[in-house]
Amino acid sequence: MKLATINTSDGRVILIETDRRLDLSVHGVFVQACKLAEYPNLRGIEVNLGKTRKILDSGLAMLLMMRDHIGHFGHNIKLYNCTPEIRSRLLESRVMTEFRIV
C-alpha cells in the first residue's frame, strides 16, 4: 500500500494505491490519509484500486471511515481503476453512492 501527496495547480491531492487485498492490515495508511486531509488546499483523495482483487468488510469500513472523517472538510474521495469484480463488490455493499467512481 502506497500513500503520496501531489501538489497540483488547483490544490493538493492525496493518492492511495492499494495492494491486492483491502482489509484491516492497511488501517495505518487510511489513518495517515485522514490526518493529511486536515491540511489546507486539499482538493481530495484518490484511491487507485487497480491492483486490488478483494475487498473485505473491514476494507469497506475503512473507506467509509475516511469518507466520514474528511467529509466535513468538503473533500471528495475518488475510487478509480476498479476491476469488474471490485465494482460488483462495491455495488453489493451499497457504498458506490458514497464515492465518485471512475
N, C-alpha and C. Protein backbone atom coordinates (compact mmCIF):
# COMPACT_ATOMS: atom_id res chain seq x y z
N MET A 1 0.86 -1.17 0.00
CA MET A 1 0.00 0.00 0.00
C MET A 1 0.90 1.22 0.00
N LYS A 2 0.59 2.16 -0.88
CA LYS A 2 1.38 3.37 -1.00
C LYS A 2 0.50 4.59 -0.74
N LEU A 3 1.11 5.60 -0.14
CA LEU A 3 0.44 6.86 0.12
C LEU A 3 1.35 7.97 -0.35
N ALA A 4 0.81 8.93 -1.09
CA ALA A 4 1.60 10.05 -1.58
C ALA A 4 0.70 11.28 -1.63
N THR A 5 1.32 12.44 -1.55
CA THR A 5 0.59 13.68 -1.78
C THR A 5 1.22 14.37 -2.98
N ILE A 6 0.38 14.94 -3.81
CA ILE A 6 0.84 15.63 -5.01
C ILE A 6 0.25 17.03 -5.00
N ASN A 7 1.09 18.01 -5.23
CA ASN A 7 0.62 19.38 -5.35
C ASN A 7 0.31 19.67 -6.81
N THR A 8 -0.91 20.08 -7.08
CA THR A 8 -1.32 20.42 -8.43
C THR A 8 -1.61 21.92 -8.48
N SER A 9 -1.90 22.42 -9.64
CA SER A 9 -2.17 23.86 -9.79
C SER A 9 -3.42 24.30 -9.03
N ASP A 10 -4.36 23.37 -8.80
CA ASP A 10 -5.58 23.74 -8.10
C ASP A 10 -5.69 23.14 -6.70
N GLY A 11 -4.58 22.69 -6.16
CA GLY A 11 -4.59 22.17 -4.79
C GLY A 11 -3.85 20.87 -4.65
N ARG A 12 -3.82 20.38 -3.45
CA ARG A 12 -3.12 19.15 -3.12
C ARG A 12 -4.05 17.95 -3.24
N VAL A 13 -3.53 16.82 -3.72
CA VAL A 13 -4.29 15.58 -3.83
C VAL A 13 -3.55 14.50 -3.05
N ILE A 14 -4.28 13.75 -2.26
CA ILE A 14 -3.72 12.60 -1.57
C ILE A 14 -4.00 11.37 -2.43
N LEU A 15 -2.96 10.64 -2.77
CA LEU A 15 -3.10 9.44 -3.59
C LEU A 15 -2.83 8.21 -2.74
N ILE A 16 -3.73 7.24 -2.82
CA ILE A 16 -3.55 5.96 -2.15
C ILE A 16 -3.58 4.89 -3.23
N GLU A 17 -2.56 4.05 -3.24
CA GLU A 17 -2.54 2.92 -4.18
C GLU A 17 -2.62 1.65 -3.35
N THR A 18 -3.66 0.88 -3.55
CA THR A 18 -3.89 -0.31 -2.73
C THR A 18 -3.12 -1.50 -3.26
N ASP A 19 -3.00 -2.49 -2.40
CA ASP A 19 -2.39 -3.76 -2.78
C ASP A 19 -3.48 -4.71 -3.24
N ARG A 20 -3.16 -5.97 -3.31
CA ARG A 20 -4.09 -6.98 -3.82
C ARG A 20 -5.34 -7.14 -2.95
N ARG A 21 -5.22 -6.83 -1.68
CA ARG A 21 -6.33 -7.07 -0.76
C ARG A 21 -6.53 -5.83 0.11
N LEU A 22 -7.75 -5.34 0.16
CA LEU A 22 -8.07 -4.20 1.00
C LEU A 22 -8.76 -4.72 2.25
N ASP A 23 -8.03 -4.67 3.36
CA ASP A 23 -8.55 -5.17 4.63
C ASP A 23 -7.96 -4.36 5.78
N LEU A 24 -8.14 -4.82 6.99
CA LEU A 24 -7.70 -4.09 8.18
C LEU A 24 -6.19 -3.93 8.28
N SER A 25 -5.44 -4.74 7.55
CA SER A 25 -3.98 -4.66 7.64
C SER A 25 -3.44 -3.32 7.12
N VAL A 26 -4.22 -2.58 6.36
CA VAL A 26 -3.76 -1.30 5.81
C VAL A 26 -4.39 -0.10 6.53
N HIS A 27 -4.91 -0.34 7.71
CA HIS A 27 -5.57 0.69 8.50
C HIS A 27 -4.69 1.93 8.70
N GLY A 28 -3.41 1.75 8.94
CA GLY A 28 -2.50 2.86 9.20
C GLY A 28 -2.41 3.84 8.04
N VAL A 29 -2.46 3.34 6.83
CA VAL A 29 -2.41 4.22 5.66
C VAL A 29 -3.65 5.10 5.60
N PHE A 30 -4.80 4.55 5.92
CA PHE A 30 -6.03 5.33 5.89
C PHE A 30 -6.05 6.37 7.01
N VAL A 31 -5.52 6.01 8.17
CA VAL A 31 -5.43 6.98 9.27
C VAL A 31 -4.51 8.13 8.88
N GLN A 32 -3.39 7.81 8.26
CA GLN A 32 -2.45 8.83 7.82
C GLN A 32 -3.09 9.75 6.77
N ALA A 33 -3.85 9.18 5.85
CA ALA A 33 -4.54 9.98 4.84
C ALA A 33 -5.54 10.93 5.49
N CYS A 34 -6.24 10.46 6.53
CA CYS A 34 -7.19 11.32 7.24
C CYS A 34 -6.48 12.49 7.91
N LYS A 35 -5.30 12.23 8.47
CA LYS A 35 -4.54 13.31 9.09
C LYS A 35 -4.07 14.32 8.04
N LEU A 36 -3.61 13.84 6.90
CA LEU A 36 -3.18 14.73 5.83
C LEU A 36 -4.33 15.55 5.27
N ALA A 37 -5.54 15.01 5.35
CA ALA A 37 -6.71 15.69 4.80
C ALA A 37 -7.04 16.97 5.56
N GLU A 38 -6.48 17.13 6.74
CA GLU A 38 -6.76 18.32 7.54
C GLU A 38 -5.93 19.53 7.11
N TYR A 39 -4.94 19.32 6.26
CA TYR A 39 -4.10 20.42 5.80
C TYR A 39 -4.85 21.25 4.76
N PRO A 40 -4.52 22.55 4.68
CA PRO A 40 -5.24 23.41 3.72
C PRO A 40 -4.91 23.07 2.27
N ASN A 41 -5.73 23.58 1.38
CA ASN A 41 -5.57 23.44 -0.07
C ASN A 41 -5.72 22.02 -0.56
N LEU A 42 -6.41 21.18 0.17
CA LEU A 42 -6.62 19.80 -0.30
C LEU A 42 -7.78 19.78 -1.27
N ARG A 43 -7.56 19.17 -2.42
CA ARG A 43 -8.61 19.03 -3.43
C ARG A 43 -9.40 17.75 -3.22
N GLY A 44 -8.77 16.72 -2.69
CA GLY A 44 -9.47 15.47 -2.46
C GLY A 44 -8.52 14.31 -2.29
N ILE A 45 -9.10 13.12 -2.16
CA ILE A 45 -8.34 11.88 -2.03
C ILE A 45 -8.70 10.98 -3.20
N GLU A 46 -7.67 10.39 -3.80
CA GLU A 46 -7.89 9.46 -4.90
C GLU A 46 -7.32 8.10 -4.49
N VAL A 47 -8.13 7.06 -4.66
CA VAL A 47 -7.73 5.71 -4.30
C VAL A 47 -7.68 4.87 -5.57
N ASN A 48 -6.48 4.40 -5.89
CA ASN A 48 -6.27 3.56 -7.07
C ASN A 48 -6.48 2.11 -6.66
N LEU A 49 -7.55 1.50 -7.16
CA LEU A 49 -7.89 0.12 -6.83
C LEU A 49 -7.48 -0.84 -7.94
N GLY A 50 -6.57 -0.43 -8.80
CA GLY A 50 -6.17 -1.23 -9.95
C GLY A 50 -5.55 -2.57 -9.59
N LYS A 51 -4.83 -2.64 -8.48
CA LYS A 51 -4.19 -3.89 -8.06
C LYS A 51 -5.05 -4.71 -7.10
N THR A 52 -6.15 -4.13 -6.66
CA THR A 52 -6.99 -4.78 -5.66
C THR A 52 -7.83 -5.89 -6.29
N ARG A 53 -7.77 -7.05 -5.71
CA ARG A 53 -8.55 -8.19 -6.19
C ARG A 53 -9.64 -8.59 -5.20
N LYS A 54 -9.52 -8.11 -3.95
CA LYS A 54 -10.50 -8.48 -2.94
C LYS A 54 -10.65 -7.36 -1.92
N ILE A 55 -11.89 -7.01 -1.62
CA ILE A 55 -12.18 -6.04 -0.58
C ILE A 55 -13.00 -6.73 0.50
N LEU A 56 -12.44 -6.80 1.69
CA LEU A 56 -13.16 -7.37 2.82
C LEU A 56 -14.04 -6.30 3.46
N ASP A 57 -14.93 -6.73 4.35
CA ASP A 57 -15.80 -5.78 5.03
C ASP A 57 -15.00 -4.72 5.78
N SER A 58 -13.86 -5.12 6.35
CA SER A 58 -13.03 -4.15 7.08
C SER A 58 -12.46 -3.10 6.12
N GLY A 59 -12.18 -3.48 4.88
CA GLY A 59 -11.71 -2.53 3.88
C GLY A 59 -12.80 -1.53 3.50
N LEU A 60 -14.02 -2.02 3.35
CA LEU A 60 -15.15 -1.13 3.08
C LEU A 60 -15.36 -0.18 4.25
N ALA A 61 -15.23 -0.70 5.47
CA ALA A 61 -15.39 0.14 6.66
C ALA A 61 -14.34 1.25 6.70
N MET A 62 -13.12 0.94 6.29
CA MET A 62 -12.07 1.97 6.29
C MET A 62 -12.37 3.05 5.26
N LEU A 63 -12.86 2.67 4.10
CA LEU A 63 -13.24 3.67 3.09
C LEU A 63 -14.34 4.58 3.63
N LEU A 64 -15.33 3.99 4.28
CA LEU A 64 -16.43 4.77 4.84
C LEU A 64 -15.96 5.65 5.99
N MET A 65 -15.04 5.14 6.82
CA MET A 65 -14.48 5.92 7.91
C MET A 65 -13.74 7.14 7.36
N MET A 66 -12.97 6.92 6.32
CA MET A 66 -12.23 8.02 5.72
C MET A 66 -13.19 9.05 5.14
N ARG A 67 -14.23 8.58 4.48
CA ARG A 67 -15.24 9.50 3.93
C ARG A 67 -15.90 10.31 5.03
N ASP A 68 -16.25 9.66 6.14
CA ASP A 68 -16.88 10.37 7.25
C ASP A 68 -15.92 11.41 7.85
N HIS A 69 -14.67 11.04 7.97
CA HIS A 69 -13.69 11.93 8.59
C HIS A 69 -13.42 13.17 7.73
N ILE A 70 -13.23 12.97 6.44
CA ILE A 70 -12.86 14.12 5.61
C ILE A 70 -14.08 14.82 5.01
N GLY A 71 -15.25 14.23 5.13
CA GLY A 71 -16.45 14.81 4.54
C GLY A 71 -16.78 16.18 5.10
N HIS A 72 -16.55 16.38 6.39
CA HIS A 72 -16.87 17.68 6.95
C HIS A 72 -15.89 18.77 6.52
N PHE A 73 -14.79 18.38 5.87
CA PHE A 73 -13.88 19.35 5.27
C PHE A 73 -14.32 19.71 3.85
N GLY A 74 -15.32 18.99 3.34
CA GLY A 74 -15.82 19.26 2.00
C GLY A 74 -15.02 18.58 0.89
N HIS A 75 -14.20 17.60 1.25
CA HIS A 75 -13.38 16.91 0.26
C HIS A 75 -14.10 15.70 -0.32
N ASN A 76 -13.72 15.34 -1.52
CA ASN A 76 -14.29 14.17 -2.19
C ASN A 76 -13.27 13.03 -2.21
N ILE A 77 -13.78 11.82 -2.30
CA ILE A 77 -12.94 10.64 -2.47
C ILE A 77 -13.29 10.03 -3.81
N LYS A 78 -12.27 9.84 -4.63
CA LYS A 78 -12.46 9.24 -5.95
C LYS A 78 -11.81 7.86 -5.93
N LEU A 79 -12.56 6.84 -6.33
CA LEU A 79 -12.05 5.49 -6.49
C LEU A 79 -11.90 5.23 -7.99
N TYR A 80 -10.74 4.76 -8.41
CA TYR A 80 -10.57 4.53 -9.84
C TYR A 80 -9.79 3.25 -10.11
N ASN A 81 -9.81 2.84 -11.38
CA ASN A 81 -9.21 1.58 -11.86
C ASN A 81 -9.83 0.36 -11.19
N CYS A 82 -11.12 0.39 -10.95
CA CYS A 82 -11.82 -0.74 -10.34
C CYS A 82 -12.02 -1.85 -11.37
N THR A 83 -11.68 -3.06 -10.99
CA THR A 83 -11.97 -4.21 -11.85
C THR A 83 -13.48 -4.49 -11.78
N PRO A 84 -14.01 -5.25 -12.71
CA PRO A 84 -15.44 -5.59 -12.64
C PRO A 84 -15.81 -6.27 -11.31
N GLU A 85 -14.92 -7.10 -10.77
CA GLU A 85 -15.20 -7.78 -9.50
C GLU A 85 -15.29 -6.78 -8.35
N ILE A 86 -14.39 -5.80 -8.36
CA ILE A 86 -14.40 -4.79 -7.29
C ILE A 86 -15.63 -3.90 -7.43
N ARG A 87 -15.97 -3.51 -8.64
CA ARG A 87 -17.20 -2.73 -8.86
C ARG A 87 -18.42 -3.49 -8.33
N SER A 88 -18.46 -4.79 -8.61
CA SER A 88 -19.56 -5.63 -8.15
C SER A 88 -19.62 -5.65 -6.62
N ARG A 89 -18.47 -5.76 -5.99
CA ARG A 89 -18.40 -5.78 -4.52
C ARG A 89 -18.89 -4.45 -3.95
N LEU A 90 -18.48 -3.35 -4.56
CA LEU A 90 -18.93 -2.04 -4.10
C LEU A 90 -20.43 -1.87 -4.30
N LEU A 91 -20.95 -2.40 -5.40
CA LEU A 91 -22.38 -2.34 -5.67
C LEU A 91 -23.17 -3.19 -4.67
N GLU A 92 -22.68 -4.40 -4.41
CA GLU A 92 -23.33 -5.30 -3.44
C GLU A 92 -23.42 -4.66 -2.06
N SER A 93 -22.36 -3.97 -1.67
CA SER A 93 -22.32 -3.41 -0.33
C SER A 93 -23.00 -2.04 -0.24
N ARG A 94 -23.46 -1.56 -1.38
CA ARG A 94 -24.20 -0.31 -1.48
C ARG A 94 -23.38 0.92 -1.04
N VAL A 95 -22.07 0.88 -1.25
CA VAL A 95 -21.26 2.05 -0.93
C VAL A 95 -20.92 2.86 -2.19
N MET A 96 -21.32 2.40 -3.35
CA MET A 96 -20.98 3.11 -4.58
C MET A 96 -21.51 4.54 -4.58
N THR A 97 -22.63 4.78 -3.94
CA THR A 97 -23.19 6.13 -3.93
C THR A 97 -22.42 7.08 -3.03
N GLU A 98 -21.57 6.54 -2.18
CA GLU A 98 -20.81 7.36 -1.23
C GLU A 98 -19.54 7.93 -1.81
N PHE A 99 -19.11 7.42 -2.97
CA PHE A 99 -17.83 7.81 -3.56
C PHE A 99 -18.02 8.13 -5.04
N ARG A 100 -17.07 8.85 -5.56
CA ARG A 100 -17.01 9.09 -7.00
C ARG A 100 -16.18 7.98 -7.61
N ILE A 101 -16.78 7.15 -8.44
CA ILE A 101 -16.08 6.01 -9.02
C ILE A 101 -15.90 6.26 -10.51
N VAL A 102 -14.64 6.21 -10.94
CA VAL A 102 -14.32 6.45 -12.35
C VAL A 102 -13.55 5.30 -12.92
